[in-house]
């Protein structure tokens, strides 16, 4: 009975190990598929942005001919992104997308000098659609990077790393548009100048007033001093005013 028990114990251990290995392998497959699906969602929004850029360029060119260099660069970057093969990884694609975001931001800043363009209905609609697209790209990027982080952590952890290497799973690339926090924000759409009321100018990335001072140290506007009226019966009071 002794050898039989040993054999049974060994078989049980092997079965448990086999289940653990299969479970870990399947988890890698599942995480890889989730990463691919989340990237496809980002790619849909990127292509939507590609479709909006030519319309934006044509609209701005009709009002701001002096911005031809910026518009030409934006068109070139868009063409390069569209022509990139599907096999390009998220890390490589992020470089082109960051350049496009920077060029778009430059166009939005230059528009401030053209009031007629800011009031154009087509331009306002393009601004709105681009802002919504940028928001969805940012949300998709956060979801994608969270999945990449979980997958890469499992791939580097013990003992799942052995199974990952055996299954030839490779680390996934993050999709980071920029390392600087102030540049990670999408281009902002400012409609404050269209309502007729004056408002402080905002920077394109931080949304802070352009004077560079934080709210805690910015001094309030000086208030006019109250004119003290003479009291009745005061011998030093002058003649009544008005």
Protein backbone atom coordinates (compact mmCIF):
# COMPACT_ATOMS: atom_id res chain seq x y z
CA UNK A 1 0.00 0.00 0.00
CA UNK A 2 2.93 2.30 0.63
CA UNK A 3 4.06 2.65 -3.03
CA UNK A 4 0.46 3.05 -4.18
CA UNK A 5 -0.10 5.95 -1.79
CA UNK A 6 3.06 7.64 -3.01
CA UNK A 7 1.93 7.24 -6.61
CA UNK A 8 -1.49 8.68 -5.78
CA UNK A 9 0.06 11.65 -3.98
CA UNK A 10 2.40 12.31 -6.90
CA UNK A 11 -0.49 12.12 -9.35
CA UNK A 12 -2.55 14.53 -7.26
CA UNK A 13 0.36 16.97 -7.11
CA UNK A 14 0.86 16.71 -10.86
CA UNK A 15 -2.83 17.33 -11.48
CA UNK A 16 -2.80 20.39 -9.23
CA UNK A 17 0.31 21.72 -10.94
CA UNK A 18 -1.24 21.07 -14.35
CA UNK A 19 -4.39 22.96 -13.40
CA UNK A 20 -2.33 25.86 -12.02
CA UNK A 21 -0.21 26.01 -15.19
CA UNK A 22 -3.26 25.86 -17.45
CA UNK A 23 -5.04 28.52 -15.40
CA UNK A 24 -2.04 30.87 -15.54
CA UNK A 25 -1.58 30.31 -19.26
CA UNK A 26 -5.25 30.98 -19.95
CA UNK A 27 -5.05 34.14 -17.84
CA UNK A 28 -2.19 35.37 -20.01
CA UNK A 29 -4.24 34.70 -23.13
CA UNK A 30 -7.25 36.50 -21.68
CA UNK A 31 -5.21 39.54 -20.65
CA UNK A 32 -3.52 39.71 -24.04
CA UNK A 33 -6.89 39.66 -25.78
CA UNK A 34 -8.22 42.41 -23.50
CA UNK A 35 -5.20 44.56 -24.35
CA UNK A 36 -5.78 44.03 -28.05
CA UNK A 37 -9.45 44.89 -27.72
CA UNK A 38 -8.76 48.03 -25.69
CA UNK A 39 -6.22 49.11 -28.30
CA UNK A 40 -8.79 48.67 -31.06
CA UNK A 41 -11.06 51.07 -29.18
CA UNK A 42 -8.28 53.66 -29.12
CA UNK A 43 -7.58 53.07 -32.80
CA UNK A 44 -11.23 53.80 -33.66
CA UNK A 45 -11.00 57.19 -31.94
CA UNK A 46 -7.64 57.97 -33.54
CA UNK A 47 -9.09 57.32 -36.98
CA UNK A 48 -12.05 59.52 -36.14
CA UNK A 49 -9.55 62.27 -35.35
CA UNK A 50 -7.83 61.65 -38.68
CA UNK A 51 -11.16 62.19 -40.42
CA UNK A 52 -11.77 65.50 -38.62
CA UNK A 53 -8.33 67.00 -39.26
CA UNK A 54 -8.78 67.67 -43.03
CA UNK A 55 -12.05 69.48 -42.33
CA UNK A 56 -10.37 71.55 -39.62
CA UNK A 57 -7.46 72.43 -41.91
CA UNK A 58 -9.73 73.59 -44.72
CA UNK A 59 -11.89 75.67 -42.38
CA UNK A 60 -8.95 77.37 -40.69
CA UNK A 61 -7.15 77.97 -43.99
CA UNK A 62 -10.13 79.96 -45.26
CA UNK A 63 -9.79 82.46 -42.41
CA UNK A 64 -6.16 82.21 -41.29
CA UNK A 65 -3.97 82.00 -44.37
CA UNK A 66 -0.97 83.15 -42.30
CA UNK A 67 -1.03 79.84 -40.40
CA UNK A 68 -0.13 77.83 -43.51
CA UNK A 69 3.04 76.36 -41.97
CA UNK A 70 1.19 74.99 -38.95
CA UNK A 71 -1.60 73.60 -41.11
CA UNK A 72 0.88 72.00 -43.53
CA UNK A 73 2.70 70.30 -40.66
CA UNK A 74 -0.59 69.03 -39.22
CA UNK A 75 -1.57 67.64 -42.63
CA UNK A 76 1.81 65.91 -43.00
CA UNK A 77 1.60 64.30 -39.58
CA UNK A 78 -1.94 63.12 -40.24
CA UNK A 79 -0.87 61.54 -43.56
CA UNK A 80 2.04 59.76 -41.84
CA UNK A 81 -0.27 58.37 -39.14
CA UNK A 82 -2.81 57.11 -41.67
CA UNK A 83 -0.10 55.45 -43.76
CA UNK A 84 1.48 53.65 -40.77
CA UNK A 85 1.03 49.85 -40.93
CA UNK A 86 -1.25 48.11 -38.46
CA UNK A 87 1.74 46.23 -37.06
CA UNK A 88 3.17 49.42 -35.53
CA UNK A 89 3.16 49.08 -31.75
CA UNK A 90 1.56 51.46 -29.29
CA UNK A 91 4.94 52.83 -28.23
CA UNK A 92 5.94 53.81 -31.77
CA UNK A 93 2.48 55.11 -32.62
CA UNK A 94 2.49 57.33 -29.54
CA UNK A 95 5.28 59.45 -31.02
CA UNK A 96 3.23 60.39 -34.09
CA UNK A 97 0.07 60.90 -32.06
CA UNK A 98 1.89 63.19 -29.63
CA UNK A 99 3.11 65.28 -32.57
CA UNK A 100 -0.45 65.49 -33.91
CA UNK A 101 -1.77 66.59 -30.51
CA UNK A 102 0.91 69.28 -30.31
CA UNK A 103 0.08 70.53 -33.82
CA UNK A 104 -3.64 70.59 -33.02
CA UNK A 105 -2.91 72.56 -29.86
CA UNK A 106 -0.92 75.09 -31.90
CA UNK A 107 -3.82 75.52 -34.32
CA UNK A 108 -6.27 76.09 -31.46
CA UNK A 109 -3.98 78.70 -29.92
CA UNK A 110 -3.49 80.54 -33.23
CA UNK A 111 -7.26 80.69 -33.76
CA UNK A 112 -7.51 83.18 -30.87
CA UNK A 113 -6.21 85.86 -33.24
CA UNK A 114 -9.11 85.39 -35.70
CA UNK A 115 -12.48 86.42 -34.21
CA UNK A 116 -14.37 85.67 -37.42
CA UNK A 117 -13.09 82.10 -37.40
CA UNK A 118 -13.98 81.65 -33.73
CA UNK A 119 -17.56 82.58 -34.58
CA UNK A 120 -17.79 80.28 -37.59
CA UNK A 121 -20.44 77.60 -37.09
CA UNK A 122 -18.50 74.86 -38.89
CA UNK A 123 -15.38 75.60 -36.89
CA UNK A 124 -17.27 75.50 -33.58
CA UNK A 125 -18.76 72.13 -34.49
CA UNK A 126 -15.32 70.77 -35.43
CA UNK A 127 -13.95 72.03 -32.12
CA UNK A 128 -16.71 70.24 -30.25
CA UNK A 129 -16.16 66.96 -32.11
CA UNK A 130 -12.39 67.13 -31.68
CA UNK A 131 -12.76 67.82 -27.95
CA UNK A 132 -15.07 64.81 -27.55
CA UNK A 133 -12.66 62.64 -29.54
CA UNK A 134 -9.70 63.73 -27.44
CA UNK A 135 -11.63 62.92 -24.26
CA UNK A 136 -12.41 59.42 -25.53
CA UNK A 137 -8.80 58.88 -26.57
CA UNK A 138 -7.65 59.89 -23.08
CA UNK A 139 -10.18 57.57 -21.42
CA UNK A 140 -9.25 54.69 -23.74
CA UNK A 141 -5.57 55.29 -23.09
CA UNK A 142 -6.06 55.04 -19.33
CA UNK A 143 -8.02 51.79 -19.69
CA UNK A 144 -5.45 50.34 -22.11
CA UNK A 145 -2.48 51.25 -19.93
CA UNK A 146 -4.17 49.75 -16.85
CA UNK A 147 -4.57 46.44 -18.70
CA UNK A 148 -0.97 46.59 -19.92
CA UNK A 149 0.24 47.21 -16.36
CA UNK A 150 -1.64 44.18 -15.00
CA UNK A 151 -0.41 41.94 -17.84
CA UNK A 152 3.23 43.05 -17.58
CA UNK A 153 3.19 42.68 -13.79
CA UNK A 154 1.96 39.10 -14.06
CA UNK A 155 4.56 38.42 -16.76
CA UNK A 156 7.35 39.63 -14.49
CA UNK A 157 6.11 37.99 -11.28
CA UNK A 158 7.15 34.62 -9.88
CA UNK A 159 6.14 31.89 -10.69
CA UNK A 160 3.88 33.06 -13.52
CA UNK A 161 6.96 34.41 -15.33
CA UNK A 162 8.07 30.83 -16.10
CA UNK A 163 4.76 30.06 -17.74
CA UNK A 164 4.83 33.37 -19.61
CA UNK A 165 8.28 32.66 -20.99
CA UNK A 166 7.29 29.09 -21.88
CA UNK A 167 4.21 30.39 -23.72
CA UNK A 168 6.34 33.06 -25.48
CA UNK A 169 4.29 35.92 -24.10
CA UNK A 170 6.06 39.26 -24.53
CA UNK A 171 5.60 42.52 -22.59
CA UNK A 172 3.06 44.96 -24.05
CA UNK A 173 3.88 48.60 -24.81
CA UNK A 174 2.26 51.45 -22.95
CA UNK A 175 0.52 54.17 -24.94
CA UNK A 176 1.92 57.38 -23.46
CA UNK A 177 1.48 60.64 -25.35
CA UNK A 178 3.98 62.53 -23.22
CA UNK A 179 5.91 62.11 -20.01
CA UNK A 180 5.05 65.62 -18.80
CA UNK A 181 1.75 65.84 -16.95
CA UNK A 182 0.90 69.22 -18.44
CA UNK A 183 1.17 67.82 -21.95
CA UNK A 184 -1.03 64.80 -21.34
CA UNK A 185 -4.19 66.85 -21.46
CA UNK A 186 -6.06 67.04 -24.76
CA UNK A 187 -6.39 70.39 -26.54
CA UNK A 188 -8.94 72.55 -24.74
CA UNK A 189 -11.84 74.18 -26.51
CA UNK A 190 -12.52 77.70 -25.18
CA UNK A 191 -15.96 79.14 -25.94
CA UNK A 192 -15.77 81.86 -23.29
CA UNK A 193 -14.99 84.61 -25.80
CA UNK A 194 -18.15 83.95 -27.81
CA UNK A 195 -20.70 85.02 -25.20
CA UNK A 196 -19.68 88.65 -25.26
CA UNK A 197 -18.44 88.66 -21.67
CA UNK A 198 -14.78 89.20 -20.91
CA UNK A 199 -12.97 86.37 -19.18
CA UNK A 200 -9.32 85.67 -18.34
CA UNK A 201 -7.30 84.07 -21.16
CA UNK A 202 -6.49 80.44 -20.46
CA UNK A 203 -3.41 78.53 -21.41
CA UNK A 204 -4.01 75.67 -23.90
CA UNK A 205 -2.80 72.92 -21.58
CA UNK A 206 -3.39 73.90 -17.97
CA UNK A 207 -6.48 76.07 -18.15
CA UNK A 208 -4.82 78.61 -15.82
CA UNK A 209 -4.72 82.40 -16.32
CA UNK A 210 -1.82 83.42 -18.51
CA UNK A 211 -0.28 85.77 -15.94
CA UNK A 212 1.54 82.78 -14.46
CA UNK A 213 0.46 83.46 -10.86
CA UNK A 214 -1.30 80.86 -8.72
CA UNK A 215 -4.70 81.85 -7.28
CA UNK A 216 -3.28 81.96 -3.74
CA UNK A 217 -0.95 84.89 -4.52
CA UNK A 218 -2.87 86.67 -7.25
CA UNK A 219 -3.93 90.08 -5.91
CA UNK A 220 -7.56 91.15 -6.36
CA UNK A 221 -8.32 94.15 -8.50
CA UNK A 222 -8.00 97.46 -6.68
CA UNK A 223 -11.32 98.90 -5.54
CA UNK A 224 -12.02 102.67 -5.70
CA UNK A 225 -11.75 104.38 -2.36
CA UNK A 226 -14.99 105.60 -0.80
CA UNK A 227 -15.32 109.39 -0.59
CA UNK A 228 -16.17 110.45 2.94
CA UNK A 229 -19.16 112.79 3.05
CA UNK A 230 -18.97 115.80 5.43
CA UNK A 231 -21.02 115.53 8.58
CA UNK A 232 -23.75 118.02 9.32
CA UNK A 233 -22.60 120.82 11.63
CA UNK A 234 -18.92 120.27 10.89
CA UNK A 235 -17.30 123.75 10.76
CA UNK A 236 -14.57 122.44 8.48
CA UNK A 237 -17.03 121.04 5.99
CA UNK A 238 -17.17 122.71 2.61
CA UNK A 239 -20.28 123.70 0.73
CA UNK A 240 -22.74 120.93 -0.06
CA UNK A 241 -21.84 118.86 -3.13
CA UNK A 242 -24.03 118.94 -6.22
